[in-house]
Amino acid sequence: MLSELNERPSIVMEAQKAKFKPHFIIQVIIFIIVFLVIQAAMAIPLLAYCFVYLITSGSGGITVNDPGDLRFFLARFQNELILPSLFCTVLMTMLTIFYCRAVEKRSLYSMGFVRKKAFSDYLIGGGIGLLMIFTALLIAFLCGTITYEGFVLGDGIGLLLLFLLGFIIQGMSEEVLLRGYFMISVASRNSVLLAVISNSVLFALLHIFNNGIAVIPMINLTLFGIFASLYTLKTDSIWGICALHTTWNFVQGNVFGIKVSGIDTKVSLFAFKLKDVGTFINGGSFGLEGGLAVTLVLTMGILILLSLEGRKPGIKPENNLRDRYEEKNT
C-alpha cells in the first residue's frame, strides 16, 4: 500500500545519479531562488503585453475621478492578463528543465519524461482529472449549494480553445516544477515521505495570495499536492499528472464556469453559480477548490492511490536508465 514511500520508483532511482544533490534545507532555498527567477522571467513578456494593451486600448492616459473607476479598470486589466499568464508559464517548464539539466545534472527521465506509455498516460490522466472535478461539482450540486444556469459559450469557441492550450501549458509547468524537479530531487537524497509532504506544502503556499484564500483552500491545495505526488510516483511518469492538472483547471473554469483557485476565466461552456449558502461545501469566492466537496474527492483519490500497486519499472534501477533512455533518443 505504501510501497512507493519505501521502494523508490525508477525516476527517483535515476535522480540519485545527479551530480548535485544538496541538503534538504539548501534544496528549499534553491527552489525559492529558482521560483523567483522564473517569476522575473515571466514578468518580462507580461510587462510587454501590458504596455501594448494600454496603448491599443486607449487607456494609457487614464484619469481617475473616482476610486471606483480605478478598481473597475484594474479588475478589467487583471482579467485581460489571465490568458497571457497561462502561456507565459512555458518559461517555467523551460527554466526548470534547464536548472535540472545544467546544475543538478539530471536526465529528463529522472524528471518523469518517460517515453513508454506517454500518450496513454496523458489521456488517462486527463480523463481522471475530468472525473474528479465533475464528482466534486456533483457533490456540491446535490447538497444544494450550486445552481445550473445554462449554456453560455455563444461564439467564444476560439477563446475556449486558447484557454485549453493555455491550461495544457500551465498544468505541465506546475507539475514539472513541483513534482518533476523539487519532489524527485528531495527524494533522491531524503525519504520519499519528506519529498511528498514538502512539495505539497510548497504547492499550497504558492497560491497564498490568490483571491478567497482561507483555511479549507489551503488544506485542499496541500491535498492536491499529495495526490499529485502519489500519482507521479505510482505511474513512474510525469505525463499523467500533467494532463490531470490541465483538465482539473480547464473543466472547472472553462467548462463549468467556476473560479479556478479564486481566479475567473473569460469564457466557459456552461454557467454554474455557487450559492452564498453552503460556501464551506462549494468553496465560495475561491471556487470549488475551496470547499469540502473537493476535500472529499481528493481524500478519496489519495486513499485509492495508496491502495493501488505502483507501476513496476521495465528496467532494473541498477542498470543505467539514463544511458538507455538517451540512447533511444540519439
Protein backbone atom coordinates (compact mmCIF):
# COMPACT_ATOMS: atom_id res chain seq x y z
CA MET A 1 0.00 0.00 0.00
CA LEU A 2 2.81 2.41 0.83
CA SER A 3 5.43 0.75 -1.35
CA GLU A 4 6.42 3.98 -3.14
CA LEU A 5 7.31 5.51 0.23
CA ASN A 6 9.73 2.64 0.90
CA GLU A 7 10.79 1.36 -2.52
CA ARG A 8 11.70 4.23 -4.82
CA PRO A 9 10.32 4.28 -8.38
CA SER A 10 12.81 4.23 -11.24
CA ILE A 11 12.60 8.00 -11.84
CA VAL A 12 13.74 8.59 -8.24
CA MET A 13 16.47 5.97 -8.59
CA GLU A 14 17.63 7.73 -11.75
CA ALA A 15 17.69 11.10 -9.92
CA GLN A 16 20.12 9.59 -7.40
CA LYS A 17 22.75 9.76 -10.16
CA ALA A 18 22.58 13.56 -10.14
CA LYS A 19 25.92 15.33 -9.73
CA PHE A 20 24.48 17.92 -7.35
CA LYS A 21 22.23 16.74 -4.50
CA PRO A 22 22.08 19.45 -1.83
CA HIS A 23 20.87 19.10 1.75
CA PHE A 24 17.10 19.47 2.16
CA ILE A 25 17.27 22.99 3.63
CA ILE A 26 19.60 24.12 0.83
CA GLN A 27 17.27 22.49 -1.69
CA VAL A 28 14.32 24.52 -0.37
CA ILE A 29 16.35 27.74 -0.60
CA ILE A 30 17.41 26.87 -4.15
CA PHE A 31 13.79 26.14 -5.05
CA ILE A 32 12.74 29.60 -3.82
CA ILE A 33 15.52 31.20 -5.88
CA VAL A 34 14.58 29.18 -8.97
CA PHE A 35 10.93 30.14 -8.50
CA LEU A 36 11.76 33.85 -8.15
CA VAL A 37 13.95 33.76 -11.26
CA ILE A 38 11.10 32.11 -13.16
CA GLN A 39 8.64 34.77 -11.96
CA ALA A 40 11.02 37.52 -13.08
CA ALA A 41 11.42 35.86 -16.49
CA MET A 42 7.66 35.53 -16.87
CA ALA A 43 7.18 39.17 -15.93
CA ILE A 44 9.12 40.39 -18.99
CA PRO A 45 6.63 39.26 -21.68
CA LEU A 46 3.72 40.14 -19.41
CA LEU A 47 5.00 43.70 -18.98
CA ALA A 48 5.39 43.96 -22.75
CA TYR A 49 1.81 42.74 -23.15
CA CYS A 50 0.62 45.29 -20.57
CA PHE A 51 2.32 48.11 -22.46
CA VAL A 52 0.75 47.07 -25.78
CA TYR A 53 -2.64 46.63 -24.11
CA LEU A 54 -2.56 50.09 -22.55
CA ILE A 55 -1.59 51.69 -25.84
CA THR A 56 -4.08 49.85 -28.04
CA SER A 57 -6.97 50.12 -25.56
CA GLY A 58 -6.55 53.88 -25.29
CA SER A 59 -6.05 53.62 -21.52
CA GLY A 60 -2.51 54.95 -21.42
CA GLY A 61 -3.69 58.35 -20.26
CA ILE A 62 -6.45 57.15 -17.97
CA THR A 63 -7.75 59.70 -15.49
CA VAL A 64 -9.26 58.57 -12.23
CA ASN A 65 -12.03 60.77 -10.84
CA ASP A 66 -13.44 58.16 -8.53
CA PRO A 67 -11.81 55.23 -6.67
CA GLY A 68 -14.47 53.02 -8.27
CA ASP A 69 -13.14 53.89 -11.72
CA LEU A 70 -9.67 52.68 -10.76
CA ARG A 71 -11.00 49.46 -9.20
CA PHE A 72 -13.04 48.76 -12.34
CA PHE A 73 -10.05 49.35 -14.60
CA LEU A 74 -7.72 47.20 -12.50
CA ALA A 75 -10.25 44.36 -12.37
CA ARG A 76 -10.71 44.53 -16.14
CA PHE A 77 -6.96 44.71 -16.69
CA GLN A 78 -6.32 41.74 -14.39
CA ASN A 79 -8.90 39.75 -16.35
CA GLU A 80 -7.05 40.56 -19.57
CA LEU A 81 -3.82 39.07 -18.14
CA ILE A 82 -5.21 35.62 -17.34
CA LEU A 83 -4.70 34.04 -20.75
CA PRO A 84 -1.24 35.60 -21.41
CA SER A 85 -0.18 34.46 -17.93
CA LEU A 86 -1.09 30.87 -18.78
CA PHE A 87 1.01 30.95 -21.94
CA CYS A 88 3.95 32.55 -20.11
CA THR A 89 4.20 29.50 -17.85
CA VAL A 90 6.01 27.76 -20.70
CA LEU A 91 9.03 29.63 -19.34
CA MET A 92 8.53 27.81 -16.02
CA THR A 93 8.83 24.45 -17.74
CA MET A 94 11.83 25.51 -19.81
CA LEU A 95 13.79 27.11 -16.96
CA THR A 96 13.04 24.25 -14.57
CA ILE A 97 14.35 21.73 -17.09
CA PHE A 98 17.39 23.96 -17.70
CA TYR A 99 18.19 24.06 -13.96
CA CYS A 100 17.85 20.29 -13.53
CA ARG A 101 19.96 19.57 -16.59
CA ALA A 102 22.63 22.26 -16.16
CA VAL A 103 23.01 22.43 -12.36
CA GLU A 104 21.88 19.13 -10.85
CA LYS A 105 22.94 17.22 -13.99
CA ARG A 106 19.74 15.20 -14.02
CA SER A 107 18.29 13.43 -17.04
CA LEU A 108 14.86 14.12 -18.49
CA TYR A 109 13.94 10.58 -17.48
CA SER A 110 14.51 11.46 -13.82
CA MET A 111 12.01 14.31 -14.20
CA GLY A 112 9.34 11.86 -15.33
CA PHE A 113 9.63 12.43 -19.09
CA VAL A 114 9.33 8.74 -19.83
CA ARG A 115 8.69 7.66 -23.41
CA LYS A 116 6.94 4.39 -22.67
CA LYS A 117 3.13 4.81 -22.49
CA ALA A 118 3.48 8.61 -22.53
CA PHE A 119 0.45 9.15 -24.80
CA SER A 120 -1.84 6.69 -22.99
CA ASP A 121 -0.73 8.05 -19.61
CA TYR A 122 -1.63 11.56 -20.76
CA LEU A 123 -5.10 10.52 -21.96
CA ILE A 124 -5.84 8.54 -18.81
CA GLY A 125 -4.64 11.36 -16.57
CA GLY A 126 -6.83 13.85 -18.41
CA GLY A 127 -9.85 11.59 -18.01
CA ILE A 128 -9.22 11.13 -14.29
CA GLY A 129 -8.92 14.89 -13.79
CA LEU A 130 -12.25 15.44 -15.55
CA LEU A 131 -13.91 12.72 -13.47
CA MET A 132 -12.59 14.12 -10.19
CA ILE A 133 -13.68 17.72 -10.74
CA PHE A 134 -17.07 16.54 -12.09
CA THR A 135 -17.55 14.44 -8.95
CA ALA A 136 -16.80 17.46 -6.75
CA LEU A 137 -19.31 19.55 -8.72
CA LEU A 138 -21.93 16.81 -8.43
CA ILE A 139 -21.47 16.60 -4.65
CA ALA A 140 -21.86 20.38 -4.27
CA PHE A 141 -24.87 20.33 -6.62
CA LEU A 142 -26.62 17.50 -4.76
CA CYS A 143 -26.02 19.38 -1.50
CA GLY A 144 -27.95 22.31 -2.98
CA THR A 145 -25.04 24.76 -2.97
CA ILE A 146 -24.74 25.15 -6.76
CA THR A 147 -27.29 26.07 -9.43
CA TYR A 148 -27.07 25.42 -13.17
CA GLU A 149 -27.75 28.49 -15.32
CA GLY A 150 -27.39 27.06 -18.80
CA PHE A 151 -25.18 27.03 -21.89
CA VAL A 152 -23.31 30.32 -22.27
CA LEU A 153 -20.47 29.78 -24.76
CA GLY A 154 -22.03 31.60 -27.70
CA ASP A 155 -19.39 32.42 -30.33
CA GLY A 156 -16.46 32.10 -27.93
CA ILE A 157 -15.18 28.74 -29.26
CA GLY A 158 -11.87 30.26 -30.40
CA LEU A 159 -11.17 31.77 -26.98
CA LEU A 160 -12.22 28.49 -25.32
CA LEU A 161 -9.63 26.57 -27.36
CA LEU A 162 -6.97 29.14 -26.49
CA PHE A 163 -7.69 28.59 -22.80
CA LEU A 164 -7.42 24.83 -23.32
CA LEU A 165 -3.99 25.31 -24.86
CA GLY A 166 -3.06 27.73 -22.07
CA PHE A 167 -4.05 25.25 -19.36
CA ILE A 168 -2.15 22.45 -21.14
CA ILE A 169 0.96 24.61 -20.83
CA GLN A 170 0.18 25.75 -17.26
CA GLY A 171 -0.73 22.27 -15.99
CA MET A 172 2.59 20.89 -17.18
CA SER A 173 4.61 23.82 -15.82
CA GLU A 174 3.47 23.44 -12.21
CA GLU A 175 3.91 19.68 -12.26
CA VAL A 176 7.40 19.89 -13.78
CA LEU A 177 8.41 22.47 -11.15
CA LEU A 178 6.87 20.85 -8.06
CA ARG A 179 6.89 17.14 -8.85
CA GLY A 180 9.37 16.61 -11.70
CA TYR A 181 12.02 18.84 -10.16
CA PHE A 182 11.55 19.51 -6.45
CA MET A 183 9.89 16.32 -5.21
CA ILE A 184 12.19 13.99 -7.14
CA SER A 185 15.30 15.98 -6.17
CA VAL A 186 14.38 15.82 -2.47
CA ALA A 187 13.51 12.10 -2.73
CA SER A 188 16.86 11.33 -4.35
CA ARG A 189 18.64 12.15 -1.07
CA ASN A 190 15.92 12.06 1.61
CA SER A 191 12.83 9.99 2.38
CA VAL A 192 10.06 9.92 -0.19
CA LEU A 193 7.61 10.91 2.55
CA LEU A 194 9.54 14.15 3.19
CA ALA A 195 9.58 14.82 -0.55
CA VAL A 196 5.81 14.32 -0.85
CA ILE A 197 4.89 16.46 2.15
CA SER A 198 7.35 19.29 1.46
CA ASN A 199 6.44 19.77 -2.20
CA SER A 200 2.73 19.62 -1.35
CA VAL A 201 3.07 22.35 1.28
CA LEU A 202 5.11 24.49 -1.11
CA PHE A 203 2.45 23.98 -3.78
CA ALA A 204 -0.20 25.32 -1.39
CA LEU A 205 1.97 28.27 -0.34
CA LEU A 206 2.43 29.33 -3.98
CA HIS A 207 -1.33 30.10 -4.01
CA ILE A 208 -1.38 32.04 -0.74
CA PHE A 209 -2.08 35.42 -2.41
CA ASN A 210 -4.98 34.15 -4.55
CA ASN A 211 -8.42 35.69 -4.10
CA GLY A 212 -10.56 33.96 -1.48
CA ILE A 213 -7.71 32.03 0.12
CA ALA A 214 -8.58 30.60 3.54
CA VAL A 215 -8.03 27.51 5.69
CA ILE A 216 -10.04 24.99 3.63
CA PRO A 217 -8.49 26.11 0.30
CA MET A 218 -5.00 25.72 1.81
CA ILE A 219 -5.89 22.24 3.05
CA ASN A 220 -7.27 21.28 -0.37
CA LEU A 221 -4.23 22.64 -2.19
CA THR A 222 -2.00 20.58 0.09
CA LEU A 223 -4.18 17.51 -0.51
CA PHE A 224 -3.96 18.07 -4.27
CA GLY A 225 -0.17 18.25 -3.92
CA ILE A 226 -0.15 14.94 -2.04
CA PHE A 227 -2.44 13.36 -4.62
CA ALA A 228 -0.30 14.66 -7.50
CA SER A 229 2.87 13.41 -5.80
CA LEU A 230 1.49 9.92 -5.25
CA TYR A 231 0.10 9.83 -8.80
CA THR A 232 3.53 10.70 -10.20
CA LEU A 233 5.24 8.07 -8.07
CA LYS A 234 2.64 5.37 -8.79
CA THR A 235 2.78 5.89 -12.56
CA ASP A 236 6.56 6.48 -12.52
CA SER A 237 5.98 9.27 -15.04
CA ILE A 238 5.12 12.99 -15.24
CA TRP A 239 2.74 12.78 -18.21
CA GLY A 240 -0.41 11.61 -16.47
CA ILE A 241 -0.38 14.19 -13.70
CA CYS A 242 0.31 16.99 -16.20
CA ALA A 243 -2.88 16.08 -18.08
CA LEU A 244 -4.85 15.62 -14.86
CA HIS A 245 -3.81 19.08 -13.65
CA THR A 246 -4.81 20.55 -17.02
CA THR A 247 -8.31 19.05 -17.15
CA TRP A 248 -8.90 19.81 -13.45
CA ASN A 249 -8.33 23.52 -14.11
CA PHE A 250 -9.80 23.78 -17.61
CA VAL A 251 -13.03 21.89 -16.90
CA GLN A 252 -13.56 23.75 -13.64
CA GLY A 253 -13.10 27.18 -15.19
CA ASN A 254 -13.88 26.92 -18.91
CA VAL A 255 -16.46 24.15 -18.94
CA PHE A 256 -18.33 24.74 -15.68
CA GLY A 257 -17.65 28.48 -15.44
CA ILE A 258 -16.38 28.33 -11.85
CA LYS A 259 -13.38 30.20 -10.44
CA VAL A 260 -10.08 28.30 -10.55
CA SER A 261 -8.21 28.87 -7.28
CA GLY A 262 -10.00 32.20 -6.87
CA ILE A 263 -9.41 33.30 -10.49
CA ASP A 264 -12.18 33.94 -13.05
CA THR A 265 -11.84 32.82 -16.65
CA LYS A 266 -13.18 34.89 -19.54
CA VAL A 267 -15.16 32.19 -21.34
CA SER A 268 -16.96 28.98 -20.40
CA LEU A 269 -19.18 26.35 -21.97
CA PHE A 270 -21.76 26.28 -19.16
CA ALA A 271 -22.60 28.50 -16.21
CA PHE A 272 -22.82 27.10 -12.71
CA LYS A 273 -23.42 29.60 -9.90
CA LEU A 274 -22.11 28.98 -6.39
CA LYS A 275 -24.73 29.94 -3.82
CA ASP A 276 -23.93 32.22 -0.88
CA VAL A 277 -25.21 29.50 1.45
CA GLY A 278 -23.10 26.37 1.91
CA THR A 279 -19.84 28.05 0.89
CA PHE A 280 -17.96 25.58 3.09
CA ILE A 281 -19.10 22.94 0.59
CA ASN A 282 -18.92 24.80 -2.74
CA GLY A 283 -15.81 26.86 -1.91
CA GLY A 284 -17.34 30.34 -2.18
CA SER A 285 -15.10 33.02 -3.67
CA PHE A 286 -12.19 30.59 -4.13
CA GLY A 287 -14.22 28.23 -6.31
CA LEU A 288 -14.79 24.52 -5.83
CA GLU A 289 -11.22 24.02 -4.64
CA GLY A 290 -12.10 25.98 -1.50
CA GLY A 291 -14.87 23.64 -0.35
CA LEU A 292 -15.41 20.33 1.40
CA ALA A 293 -16.69 18.72 -1.82
CA VAL A 294 -13.16 18.85 -3.21
CA THR A 295 -11.74 17.82 0.19
CA LEU A 296 -13.80 14.64 -0.02
CA VAL A 297 -12.81 13.91 -3.63
CA LEU A 298 -9.10 14.44 -3.00
CA THR A 299 -9.15 12.37 0.20
CA MET A 300 -10.85 9.53 -1.67
CA GLY A 301 -8.35 9.90 -4.50
CA ILE A 302 -5.39 9.67 -2.13
CA LEU A 303 -6.80 6.58 -0.42
CA ILE A 304 -7.43 4.90 -3.78
CA LEU A 305 -3.88 5.66 -4.94
CA LEU A 306 -2.45 4.27 -1.70
CA SER A 307 -4.42 1.05 -2.22
CA LEU A 308 -3.08 0.56 -5.76
CA GLU A 309 0.21 -1.07 -6.64
CA GLY A 310 2.65 1.23 -8.40
CA ARG A 311 3.97 0.62 -11.89
CA LYS A 312 6.94 -1.73 -11.96
CA PRO A 313 9.92 -0.33 -13.87
CA GLY A 314 10.70 -2.15 -17.09
CA ILE A 315 14.45 -1.99 -16.35
CA LYS A 316 16.12 -2.69 -13.05
CA PRO A 317 17.29 0.52 -11.31
CA GLU A 318 20.88 -0.68 -11.17
CA ASN A 319 21.03 -0.61 -14.96
CA ASN A 320 21.87 2.77 -16.38
CA LEU A 321 18.40 4.15 -17.10
CA ARG A 322 19.70 7.50 -18.27
CA ASP A 323 22.09 5.97 -20.78
CA ARG A 324 19.43 3.65 -22.16
CA TYR A 325 16.87 6.45 -22.37
CA GLU A 326 19.25 8.84 -24.09
CA GLU A 327 20.49 6.16 -26.48
CA LYS A 328 16.92 5.75 -27.76
CA ASN A 329 16.77 9.48 -28.46
CA THR A 330 20.06 9.77 -30.38
